C-alpha atoms as a PDB file:
ATOM      1  CA  LEU A   1     121.288 106.420  81.564  1.00  0.00           C
ATOM      2  CA  PHE A   2     118.632 107.754  79.227  1.00  0.00           C
ATOM      3  CA  PRO A   3     118.940 106.239  75.750  1.00  0.00           C
ATOM      4  CA  PRO A   4     117.510 108.805  73.308  1.00  0.00           C
ATOM      5  CA  THR A   5     116.558 106.073  70.837  1.00  0.00           C
ATOM      6  CA  PRO A   6     114.225 103.094  71.339  1.00  0.00           C
ATOM      7  CA  PRO A   7     115.862  99.829  72.520  1.00  0.00           C
ATOM      8  CA  GLN A   8     117.907  97.768  70.065  1.00  0.00           C
ATOM      9  CA  HIS A   9     115.099  95.327  69.319  1.00  0.00           C
ATOM     10  CA  ASN A  10     113.116  98.086  67.516  1.00  0.00           C
ATOM     11  CA  ALA A  11     110.152  98.474  69.847  1.00  0.00           C
ATOM     12  CA  ASP A  12     106.874  99.584  68.317  1.00  0.00           C
ATOM     13  CA  PRO A  13     105.777 102.872  70.004  1.00  0.00           C
ATOM     14  CA  GLN A  14     102.126 101.987  69.289  1.00  0.00           C
ATOM     15  CA  LYS A  15     102.367  98.918  71.552  1.00  0.00           C
ATOM     16  CA  THR A  16     103.566 101.011  74.516  1.00  0.00           C
ATOM     17  CA  ALA A  17     101.421 104.115  73.875  1.00  0.00           C
ATOM     18  CA  PHE A  18      98.944 102.974  76.570  1.00  0.00           C
ATOM     19  CA  LEU A  19     101.521 104.089  79.175  1.00  0.00           C
ATOM     20  CA  LEU A  20     101.659 107.704  77.998  1.00  0.00           C
ATOM     21  CA  ARG A  21      99.862 110.654  79.626  1.00  0.00           C
ATOM     22  CA  LYS A  22      98.239 108.589  82.391  1.00  0.00           C
ATOM     23  CA  GLN A  23      98.992 108.659  86.095  1.00  0.00           C
ATOM     24  CA  TRP A  24     100.722 105.466  87.253  1.00  0.00           C
ATOM     25  CA  THR A  25     101.330 104.383  90.836  1.00  0.00           C
ATOM     26  CA  LEU A  26     104.605 102.518  91.362  1.00  0.00           C
ATOM     27  CA  TYR A  27     105.195  99.281  93.281  1.00  0.00           C
ATOM     28  CA  SER A  28     108.180  96.987  93.654  1.00  0.00           C
ATOM     29  CA  VAL A  29     107.534  93.227  93.418  1.00  0.00           C
ATOM     30  CA  THR A  30     109.682  90.331  94.620  1.00  0.00           C
ATOM     31  CA  PRO A  31     110.304  87.520  92.065  1.00  0.00           C
ATOM     32  CA  LEU A  32     107.244  85.481  91.068  1.00  0.00           C
ATOM     33  CA  TYR A  33     107.496  81.751  91.820  1.00  0.00           C
ATOM     34  CA  GLY A  34     106.101  79.341  89.216  1.00  0.00           C
ATOM     35  CA  PHE A  35     104.974  82.045  86.775  1.00  0.00           C
ATOM     36  CA  SER A  36     104.908  81.070  83.085  1.00  0.00           C
ATOM     37  CA  ASN A  37     104.152  83.133  79.971  1.00  0.00           C
ATOM     38  CA  ALA A  38     102.571  80.012  78.477  1.00  0.00           C
ATOM     39  CA  HIS A  39      99.658  80.147  80.963  1.00  0.00           C
ATOM     40  CA  LEU A  40      98.468  83.777  80.661  1.00  0.00           C
ATOM     41  CA  LYS A  41      94.929  82.852  79.532  1.00  0.00           C
ATOM     42  CA  ARG A  42      94.581  80.463  82.463  1.00  0.00           C
ATOM     43  CA  TYR A  43      95.782  83.172  84.864  1.00  0.00           C
ATOM     44  CA  ALA A  44      93.141  85.537  83.423  1.00  0.00           C
ATOM     45  CA  ARG A  45      90.390  82.962  84.096  1.00  0.00           C
ATOM     46  CA  LEU A  46      91.585  82.313  87.657  1.00  0.00           C
ATOM     47  CA  LEU A  47      91.988  86.013  88.444  1.00  0.00           C
ATOM     48  CA  SER A  48      88.516  86.667  86.981  1.00  0.00           C
ATOM     49  CA  ALA A  49      86.991  84.026  89.294  1.00  0.00           C
ATOM     50  CA  PHE A  50      88.925  85.419  92.278  1.00  0.00           C
ATOM     51  CA  THR A  51      87.763  88.977  91.499  1.00  0.00           C
ATOM     52  CA  ALA A  52      84.129  87.815  91.247  1.00  0.00           C
ATOM     53  CA  ALA A  53      84.449  86.013  94.607  1.00  0.00           C
ATOM     54  CA  GLU A  54      85.908  89.125  96.270  1.00  0.00           C
ATOM     55  CA  LYS A  55      83.086  91.172  94.761  1.00  0.00           C
ATOM     56  CA  GLN A  56      80.543  88.813  96.376  1.00  0.00           C
ATOM     57  CA  LYS A  57      82.122  89.605  99.750  1.00  0.00           C
ATOM     58  CA  GLY A  58      81.089  93.226  99.309  1.00  0.00           C
ATOM     59  CA  LEU A  59      84.432  94.495  98.117  1.00  0.00           C
ATOM     60  CA  ALA A  60      82.997  95.740  94.824  1.00  0.00           C
ATOM     61  CA  VAL A  61      84.351  99.047  93.575  1.00  0.00           C
ATOM     62  CA  GLU A  62      81.205  99.838  91.566  1.00  0.00           C
ATOM     63  CA  VAL A  63      78.084  99.765  93.749  1.00  0.00           C
ATOM     64  CA  GLY A  64      74.444  99.480  92.708  1.00  0.00           C
ATOM     65  CA  VAL A  65      74.958  98.176  89.166  1.00  0.00           C
ATOM     66  CA  GLU A  66      75.180  94.517  88.219  1.00  0.00           C
ATOM     67  CA  LEU A  67      78.430  94.344  86.292  1.00  0.00           C
ATOM     68  CA  ASP A  68      80.658  91.584  85.035  1.00  0.00           C
ATOM     69  CA  ILE A  69      84.412  92.033  85.248  1.00  0.00           C
ATOM     70  CA  LYS A  70      86.453  90.765  82.342  1.00  0.00           C
ATOM     71  CA  VAL A  71      90.151  90.107  83.026  1.00  0.00           C
ATOM     72  CA  THR A  72      92.836  89.947  80.342  1.00  0.00           C
ATOM     73  CA  VAL A  73      96.471  89.043  80.925  1.00  0.00           C
ATOM     74  CA  SER A  74      98.839  89.581  78.002  1.00  0.00           C
ATOM     75  CA  ASN A  75     102.532  89.971  77.333  1.00  0.00           C
ATOM     76  CA  ILE A  76     104.155  93.088  75.820  1.00  0.00           C
ATOM     77  CA  PRO A  77     107.406  92.096  74.078  1.00  0.00           C
ATOM     78  CA  ASP A  78     108.034  95.749  73.119  1.00  0.00           C
ATOM     79  CA  LEU A  79     108.460  96.999  76.694  1.00  0.00           C
ATOM     80  CA  LYS A  80     112.128  96.106  77.115  1.00  0.00           C
ATOM     81  CA  GLY A  81     115.518  97.761  77.436  1.00  0.00           C
ATOM     82  CA  SER A  82     117.316  94.874  75.749  1.00  0.00           C
ATOM     83  CA  ASP A  83     116.487  91.537  74.124  1.00  0.00           C
ATOM     84  CA  ARG A  84     117.604  89.763  77.306  1.00  0.00           C
ATOM     85  CA  ASP A  85     114.813  91.350  79.354  1.00  0.00           C
ATOM     86  CA  ARG A  86     111.672  89.322  80.007  1.00  0.00           C
ATOM     87  CA  ASP A  87     108.440  90.367  78.303  1.00  0.00           C
ATOM     88  CA  ALA A  88     106.358  92.826  80.309  1.00  0.00           C
ATOM     89  CA  ILE A  89     102.983  91.500  81.516  1.00  0.00           C
ATOM     90  CA  LEU A  90      99.841  93.625  81.224  1.00  0.00           C
ATOM     91  CA  VAL A  91      96.794  92.883  83.407  1.00  0.00           C
ATOM     92  CA  GLN A  92      93.572  94.712  82.505  1.00  0.00           C
ATOM     93  CA  LEU A  93      90.137  94.726  84.132  1.00  0.00           C
ATOM     94  CA  SER A  94      87.104  95.817  82.121  1.00  0.00           C
ATOM     95  CA  LEU A  95      83.474  96.211  83.175  1.00  0.00           C
ATOM     96  CA  ARG A  96      80.473  95.184  81.125  1.00  0.00           C
ATOM     97  CA  SER A  97      76.784  95.019  81.983  1.00  0.00           C
ATOM     98  CA  SER A  98      75.723  91.431  82.672  1.00  0.00           C
ATOM     99  CA  ALA A  99      72.228  92.084  81.235  1.00  0.00           C
ATOM    100  CA  SER A 100      73.438  92.262  77.658  1.00  0.00           C
ATOM    101  CA  GLN A 101      76.939  90.857  77.684  1.00  0.00           C
ATOM    102  CA  LYS A 102      77.217  90.255  73.958  1.00  0.00           C
ATOM    103  CA  ASN A 103      76.312  93.741  72.855  1.00  0.00           C
ATOM    104  CA  SER A 104      77.523  95.829  75.777  1.00  0.00           C
ATOM    105  CA  GLU A 105      80.666  97.867  75.449  1.00  0.00           C
ATOM    106  CA  GLU A 106      83.533  97.045  77.747  1.00  0.00           C
ATOM    107  CA  LYS A 107      84.903  99.870  79.848  1.00  0.00           C
ATOM    108  CA  LEU A 108      88.537  99.562  80.907  1.00  0.00           C
ATOM    109  CA  VAL A 109      88.677 100.394  84.629  1.00  0.00           C
ATOM    110  CA  TRP A 110      92.066  99.154  85.806  1.00  0.00           C
ATOM    111  CA  SER A 111      95.485  98.392  84.300  1.00  0.00           C
ATOM    112  CA  GLY A 112      98.575  96.922  85.908  1.00  0.00           C
ATOM    113  CA  CYS A 113     101.898  96.358  84.153  1.00  0.00           C
ATOM    114  CA  PHE A 114     104.763  94.172  85.420  1.00  0.00           C
ATOM    115  CA  CYS A 115     108.084  94.982  83.741  1.00  0.00           C
ATOM    116  CA  CYS A 116     111.861  94.757  83.984  1.00  0.00           C
ATOM    117  CA  VAL A 117     113.542  97.264  81.648  1.00  0.00           C
ATOM    118  CA  SER A 118     117.326  96.788  81.366  1.00  0.00           C
ATOM    119  CA  GLY A 119     117.224  94.730  84.552  1.00  0.00           C
ATOM    120  CA  ASP A 120     118.173  91.405  82.961  1.00  0.00           C
ATOM    121  CA  HIS A 121     121.262  91.162  85.222  1.00  0.00           C
ATOM    122  CA  LEU A 122     118.866  90.534  88.124  1.00  0.00           C
ATOM    123  CA  SER A 123     117.708  87.213  86.659  1.00  0.00           C
ATOM    124  CA  GLU A 124     121.217  85.772  86.286  1.00  0.00           C
ATOM    125  CA  ASN A 125     121.450  84.372  89.816  1.00  0.00           C
ATOM    126  CA  LEU A 126     117.767  83.491  90.193  1.00  0.00           C
ATOM    127  CA  PRO A 127     116.648  79.843  90.370  1.00  0.00           C
ATOM    128  CA  GLU A 128     114.843  78.665  87.245  1.00  0.00           C
ATOM    129  CA  ASP A 129     111.365  78.675  88.818  1.00  0.00           C
ATOM    130  CA  PHE A 130     111.455  82.418  89.556  1.00  0.00           C
ATOM    131  CA  THR A 131     110.488  85.247  87.206  1.00  0.00           C
ATOM    132  CA  CYS A 132     111.800  88.709  87.999  1.00  0.00           C
ATOM    133  CA  LEU A 133     109.522  91.593  86.968  1.00  0.00           C
ATOM    134  CA  PRO A 134     110.391  93.996  89.815  1.00  0.00           C
ATOM    135  CA  LEU A 135     108.516  97.101  88.643  1.00  0.00           C
ATOM    136  CA  PHE A 136     104.705  97.165  88.809  1.00  0.00           C
ATOM    137  CA  LEU A 137     102.772 100.157  87.415  1.00  0.00           C
ATOM    138  CA  VAL A 138      99.103 100.641  88.318  1.00  0.00           C
ATOM    139  CA  ASN A 139      96.410 102.885  86.832  1.00  0.00           C
ATOM    140  CA  GLY A 140      92.974 102.506  88.423  1.00  0.00           C
ATOM    141  CA  ALA A 141      91.038 102.225  91.690  1.00  0.00           C
ATOM    142  CA  GLU A 142      92.820 100.981  94.817  1.00  0.00           C
ATOM    143  CA  GLY A 143      90.092  98.387  95.407  1.00  0.00           C
ATOM    144  CA  TYR A 144      91.081  96.568  92.223  1.00  0.00           C
ATOM    145  CA  THR A 145      94.785  96.955  93.014  1.00  0.00           C
ATOM    146  CA  SER A 146      94.184  95.229  96.344  1.00  0.00           C
ATOM    147  CA  ILE A 147      92.275  92.336  94.707  1.00  0.00           C
ATOM    148  CA  VAL A 148      94.832  91.778  91.922  1.00  0.00           C
ATOM    149  CA  GLY A 149      97.740  92.141  94.345  1.00  0.00           C
ATOM    150  CA  SER A 150      96.213  89.583  96.735  1.00  0.00           C
ATOM    151  CA  TRP A 151      95.766  87.052  93.934  1.00  0.00           C
ATOM    152  CA  PHE A 152      99.330  87.437  92.650  1.00  0.00           C
ATOM    153  CA  GLN A 153     100.755  87.202  96.181  1.00  0.00           C
ATOM    154  CA  LYS A 154      98.809  84.007  96.933  1.00  0.00           C
ATOM    155  CA  THR A 155      99.454  82.424  93.527  1.00  0.00           C
ATOM    156  CA  PHE A 156     103.131  83.284  92.987  1.00  0.00           C
ATOM    157  CA  ASP A 157     104.399  83.771  96.560  1.00  0.00           C
ATOM    158  CA  CYS A 158     105.514  87.338  95.878  1.00  0.00           C
ATOM    159  CA  CYS A 159     105.297  90.573  97.846  1.00  0.00           C
ATOM    160  CA  PHE A 160     104.221  94.072  96.693  1.00  0.00           C
ATOM    161  CA  ARG A 161     105.462  97.322  98.236  1.00  0.00           C
ATOM    162  CA  ARG A 162     104.692 100.906  97.292  1.00  0.00           C
ATOM    163  CA  LEU A 163     107.747 102.412  95.616  1.00  0.00           C
ATOM    164  CA  ALA A 164     108.515 105.909  96.906  1.00  0.00           C
ATOM    165  CA  ILE A 165     110.974 108.213  95.118  1.00  0.00           C
ATOM    166  CA  SER A 166     113.488 109.988  97.355  1.00  0.00           C
ATOM    167  CA  PRO A 167     114.353 113.713  96.956  1.00  0.00           C
ATOM    168  CA  LEU A 168     117.844 112.589  95.837  1.00  0.00           C
ATOM    169  CA  ASN A 169     116.368 110.475  93.020  1.00  0.00           C
ATOM    170  CA  LEU A 170     113.977 113.297  92.088  1.00  0.00           C
ATOM    171  CA  SER A 171     116.938 115.673  91.723  1.00  0.00           C
ATOM    172  CA  TRP A 172     118.627 113.121  89.414  1.00  0.00           C
ATOM    173  CA  MET A 173     115.446 112.969  87.339  1.00  0.00           C
ATOM    174  CA  ALA A 174     115.340 116.782  87.136  1.00  0.00           C
ATOM    175  CA  ALA A 175     118.926 116.883  85.852  1.00  0.00           C
ATOM    176  CA  MET A 176     118.609 113.925  83.444  1.00  0.00           C
ATOM    177  CA  TRP A 177     115.307 114.990  81.935  1.00  0.00           C
ATOM    178  CA  THR A 178     116.511 118.581  81.538  1.00  0.00           C
ATOM    179  CA  GLY A 179     119.412 117.290  79.439  1.00  0.00           C
ATOM    180  CA  CYS A 180     117.168 115.345  77.045  1.00  0.00           C
ATOM    181  CA  GLN A 181     116.461 116.770  73.602  1.00  0.00           C
ATOM    182  CA  VAL A 182     112.749 117.307  72.989  1.00  0.00           C
ATOM    183  CA  ASP A 183     111.352 118.330  69.588  1.00  0.00           C
ATOM    184  CA  LYS A 184     108.844 120.802  71.006  1.00  0.00           C
ATOM    185  CA  THR A 185     109.837 122.284  74.328  1.00  0.00           C
ATOM    186  CA  THR A 186     106.866 124.288  75.455  1.00  0.00           C
ATOM    187  CA  SER A 187     106.318 123.151  79.040  1.00  0.00           C
ATOM    188  CA  ALA A 188     108.406 124.675  81.799  1.00  0.00           C
ATOM    189  CA  MET A 189     110.411 122.497  84.141  1.00  0.00           C
ATOM    190  CA  GLU A 190     108.613 122.658  87.489  1.00  0.00           C
ATOM    191  CA  LEU A 191     110.010 121.667  90.867  1.00  0.00           C
ATOM    192  CA  VAL A 192     107.689 121.438  93.866  1.00  0.00           C
ATOM    193  CA  PHE A 193     109.115 121.680  97.384  1.00  0.00           C
ATOM    194  CA  SER A 194     107.421 120.977 100.701  1.00  0.00           C
ATOM    195  CA  ALA A 195     108.334 123.134 103.694  1.00  0.00           C
ATOM    196  CA  PRO A 196     108.801 120.928 106.787  1.00  0.00           C
ATOM    197  CA  CYS A 197     107.988 121.597 110.454  1.00  0.00           C
ATOM    198  CA  LEU A 198     105.067 123.935 109.802  1.00  0.00           C
ATOM    199  CA  PRO A 199     101.672 123.629 111.527  1.00  0.00           C
ATOM    200  CA  TYR A 200     100.045 123.710 108.065  1.00  0.00           C
ATOM    201  CA  PRO A 201     101.179 122.231 104.715  1.00  0.00           C
ATOM    202  CA  LEU A 202     103.084 124.650 102.481  1.00  0.00           C
ATOM    203  CA  ASP A 203     104.279 123.808  98.988  1.00  0.00           C
ATOM    204  CA  ILE A 204     106.590 126.009  96.941  1.00  0.00           C
ATOM    205  CA  SER A 205     106.401 125.708  93.162  1.00  0.00           C
ATOM    206  CA  TYR A 206     109.474 126.736  91.162  1.00  0.00           C
ATOM    207  CA  ALA A 207     109.072 126.911  87.358  1.00  0.00           C
ATOM    208  CA  ILE A 208     112.095 127.286  85.085  1.00  0.00           C
ATOM    209  CA  HIS A 209     111.958 127.925  81.339  1.00  0.00           C
ATOM    210  CA  PRO A 210     113.116 124.667  79.674  1.00  0.00           C
ATOM    211  CA  GLU A 211     115.737 126.409  77.528  1.00  0.00           C
ATOM    212  CA  ASP A 212     117.208 128.149  80.596  1.00  0.00           C
ATOM    213  CA  ALA A 213     117.313 124.859  82.503  1.00  0.00           C
ATOM    214  CA  LYS A 214     118.977 123.123  79.523  1.00  0.00           C
ATOM    215  CA  ALA A 215     121.538 125.930  79.160  1.00  0.00           C
ATOM    216  CA  LEU A 216     122.400 125.648  82.867  1.00  0.00           C
ATOM    217  CA  TRP A 217     122.733 121.862  82.661  1.00  0.00           C
ATOM    218  CA  ASP A 218     124.993 122.144  79.601  1.00  0.00           C
ATOM    219  CA  THR A 219     127.405 124.342  81.581  1.00  0.00           C
ATOM    220  CA  VAL A 220     127.430 121.809  84.451  1.00  0.00           C
ATOM    221  CA  GLN A 221     127.686 118.493  82.578  1.00  0.00           C
ATOM    222  CA  LYS A 222     131.276 117.595  81.716  1.00  0.00           C
ATOM    223  CA  THR A 223     130.773 114.441  79.613  1.00  0.00           C
ATOM    224  CA  PRO A 224     127.672 114.190  77.408  1.00  0.00           C
ATOM    225  CA  GLY A 225     125.784 110.950  78.112  1.00  0.00           C
ATOM    226  CA  GLU A 226     127.328 110.591  81.568  1.00  0.00           C
ATOM    227  CA  ILE A 227     126.050 112.096  84.801  1.00  0.00           C
ATOM    228  CA  THR A 228     127.729 112.258  88.213  1.00  0.00           C
ATOM    229  CA  GLN A 229     126.310 113.033  91.651  1.00  0.00           C
ATOM    230  CA  GLU A 230     128.573 116.099  91.799  1.00  0.00           C
ATOM    231  CA  GLU A 231     127.011 117.479  88.592  1.00  0.00           C
ATOM    232  CA  VAL A 232     123.479 116.907  89.899  1.00  0.00           C
ATOM    233  CA  ASP A 233     124.405 118.685  93.165  1.00  0.00           C
ATOM    234  CA  ILE A 234     125.892 121.681  91.303  1.00  0.00           C
ATOM    235  CA  PHE A 235     122.831 121.904  89.039  1.00  0.00           C
ATOM    236  CA  MET A 236     120.413 121.929  91.993  1.00  0.00           C
ATOM    237  CA  ASP A 237     122.618 124.354  94.013  1.00  0.00           C
ATOM    238  CA  CYS A 238     122.559 126.820  91.092  1.00  0.00           C
ATOM    239  CA  LEU A 239     118.756 126.636  90.978  1.00  0.00           C
ATOM    240  CA  TYR A 240     118.583 127.116  94.767  1.00  0.00           C
ATOM    241  CA  SER A 241     120.935 130.144  94.632  1.00  0.00           C
ATOM    242  CA  HIS A 242     118.874 131.778  91.905  1.00  0.00           C
ATOM    243  CA  PHE A 243     115.662 131.251  93.898  1.00  0.00           C
ATOM    244  CA  HIS A 244     117.239 132.623  97.086  1.00  0.00           C
ATOM    245  CA  ARG A 245     118.518 135.699  95.274  1.00  0.00           C
ATOM    246  CA  HIS A 246     114.965 136.594  94.204  1.00  0.00           C
ATOM    247  CA  PHE A 247     112.812 135.368  97.094  1.00  0.00           C
ATOM    248  CA  LYS A 248     115.215 135.051 100.070  1.00  0.00           C
ATOM    249  CA  ILE A 249     114.027 131.466 100.664  1.00  0.00           C
ATOM    250  CA  HIS A 250     116.500 128.610 101.227  1.00  0.00           C
ATOM    251  CA  LEU A 251     115.099 125.716  99.177  1.00  0.00           C
ATOM    252  CA  SER A 252     117.877 123.493 100.560  1.00  0.00           C
ATOM    253  CA  ALA A 253     115.937 123.556 103.860  1.00  0.00           C
ATOM    254  CA  THR A 254     112.820 122.174 102.167  1.00  0.00           C
ATOM    255  CA  LYS A 255     112.033 118.760 100.672  1.00  0.00           C
ATOM    256  CA  LEU A 256     111.811 118.200  96.910  1.00  0.00           C
ATOM    257  CA  VAL A 257     108.509 116.341  96.377  1.00  0.00           C
ATOM    258  CA  LYS A 258     107.766 116.614  92.636  1.00  0.00           C
ATOM    259  CA  VAL A 259     109.558 117.113  89.327  1.00  0.00           C
ATOM    260  CA  SER A 260     107.716 117.922  86.078  1.00  0.00           C
ATOM    261  CA  THR A 261     109.420 118.185  82.688  1.00  0.00           C
ATOM    262  CA  ALA A 262     108.542 117.596  79.029  1.00  0.00           C
ATOM    263  CA  ILE A 263     109.856 114.003  79.431  1.00  0.00           C
ATOM    264  CA  ALA A 264     107.848 112.920  82.477  1.00  0.00           C
ATOM    265  CA  SER A 265     106.605 114.012  85.871  1.00  0.00           C
ATOM    266  CA  ALA A 266     107.363 112.179  89.108  1.00  0.00           C
ATOM    267  CA  HIS A 267     106.085 112.595  92.683  1.00  0.00           C
ATOM    268  CA  CYS A 268     107.847 111.402  95.850  1.00  0.00           C
ATOM    269  CA  ASP A 269     104.787 109.239  96.691  1.00  0.00           C
ATOM    270  CA  GLY A 270     105.697 107.012  93.735  1.00  0.00           C
ATOM    271  CA  ILE A 271     103.350 108.473  91.134  1.00  0.00           C
ATOM    272  CA  ILE A 272     104.613 109.011  87.595  1.00  0.00           C
ATOM    273  CA  LYS A 273     103.326 110.257  84.261  1.00  0.00           C
ATOM    274  CA  PHE A 274     105.208 109.447  81.030  1.00  0.00           C
ATOM    275  CA  LEU A 275     104.995 112.147  78.355  1.00  0.00           C
ATOM    276  CA  GLN A 276     107.468 111.111  75.618  1.00  0.00           C
ATOM    277  CA  SER A 277     107.528 107.676  73.964  1.00  0.00           C
ATOM    278  CA  LYS A 278     111.093 108.399  72.780  1.00  0.00           C
ATOM    279  CA  TYR A 279     112.382 108.374  76.385  1.00  0.00           C
ATOM    280  CA  LEU A 280     109.995 105.773  77.818  1.00  0.00           C
ATOM    281  CA  ALA A 281     112.643 103.020  77.967  1.00  0.00           C
ATOM    282  CA  GLY A 282     115.067 105.371  79.723  1.00  0.00           C
ATOM    283  CA  VAL A 283     112.585 106.416  82.408  1.00  0.00           C
ATOM    284  CA  LEU A 284     111.500 102.791  82.972  1.00  0.00           C
ATOM    285  CA  THR A 285     115.163 101.736  83.260  1.00  0.00           C
ATOM    286  CA  LEU A 286     115.626 104.170  86.133  1.00  0.00           C
ATOM    287  CA  LEU A 287     112.383 103.061  87.821  1.00  0.00           C
ATOM    288  CA  THR A 288     113.385  99.391  87.399  1.00  0.00           C
ATOM    289  CA  GLU A 289     116.667 100.175  89.192  1.00  0.00           C
ATOM    290  CA  LEU A 290     114.757 101.834  92.056  1.00  0.00           C
ATOM    291  CA  ALA A 291     112.409  98.823  92.323  1.00  0.00           C
ATOM    292  CA  ILE A 292     115.358  96.401  92.343  1.00  0.00           C
ATOM    293  CA  SER A 293     117.170  98.380  95.044  1.00  0.00           C
ATOM    294  CA  GLN A 294     114.037  98.215  97.232  1.00  0.00           C
ATOM    295  CA  ILE A 295     113.665  94.420  97.027  1.00  0.00           C
ATOM    296  CA  GLN A 296     117.354  93.490  97.339  1.00  0.00           C
END
């Protein structure tokens, strides 16, 4: 599930470094109708005009300064799980002062990335006019997300939905990421649980030394490279038992809401941070699967 090496087509880590150590909000997207990689510059011009029009309506994110928004739409051939996957599409919005456009520095304010990592099987039964890029990652203000989303929905007849991550999927991530080899393992694995049915919010943070977590996982996992639901359940039950022994709290009665490891961190609200370029394709493969399952 988590290939320790980059995909077979020798991806360049520099081309995907923009994804690392930023907070991304996850969406699932239905197939785009009539989308073509040959027209990316045209799409950038149209989206730029649409954004300017929305800004005129008073939907500007930056208030009080006269700014021009520059839109770029580009493809990222390196963000794939296999050569059969479609190129990822990166949409970026930058601000520049309209008073001195030529000399002013551009400030990147919003990024959105459509991708399909190891999800090429999804395109097999699609009609020719449809492009499947089911996972959409966003970094930036919600106002821009709304504008860009509206334009894509109107132009390509697609639908965006926030992609939540269930406690079950979070527990899989905890187990999988614990089993990954990391050169420098300094950060603890942290699990955050939310206690339900209380009149006030209460979160419980549970930090485990990465070497202890790895040692536990190694005793649970039967076949290296393969993971079963039973193994994930045993791994989590062992962590729960240990916690109960020390604090007399049943974590099984709470809800797992966040997992943080040296590989990545993920929140149930569909917010993720990638920390290791080596495992980027593996994490995106899992997120692509979640996005596909939501739109099917």
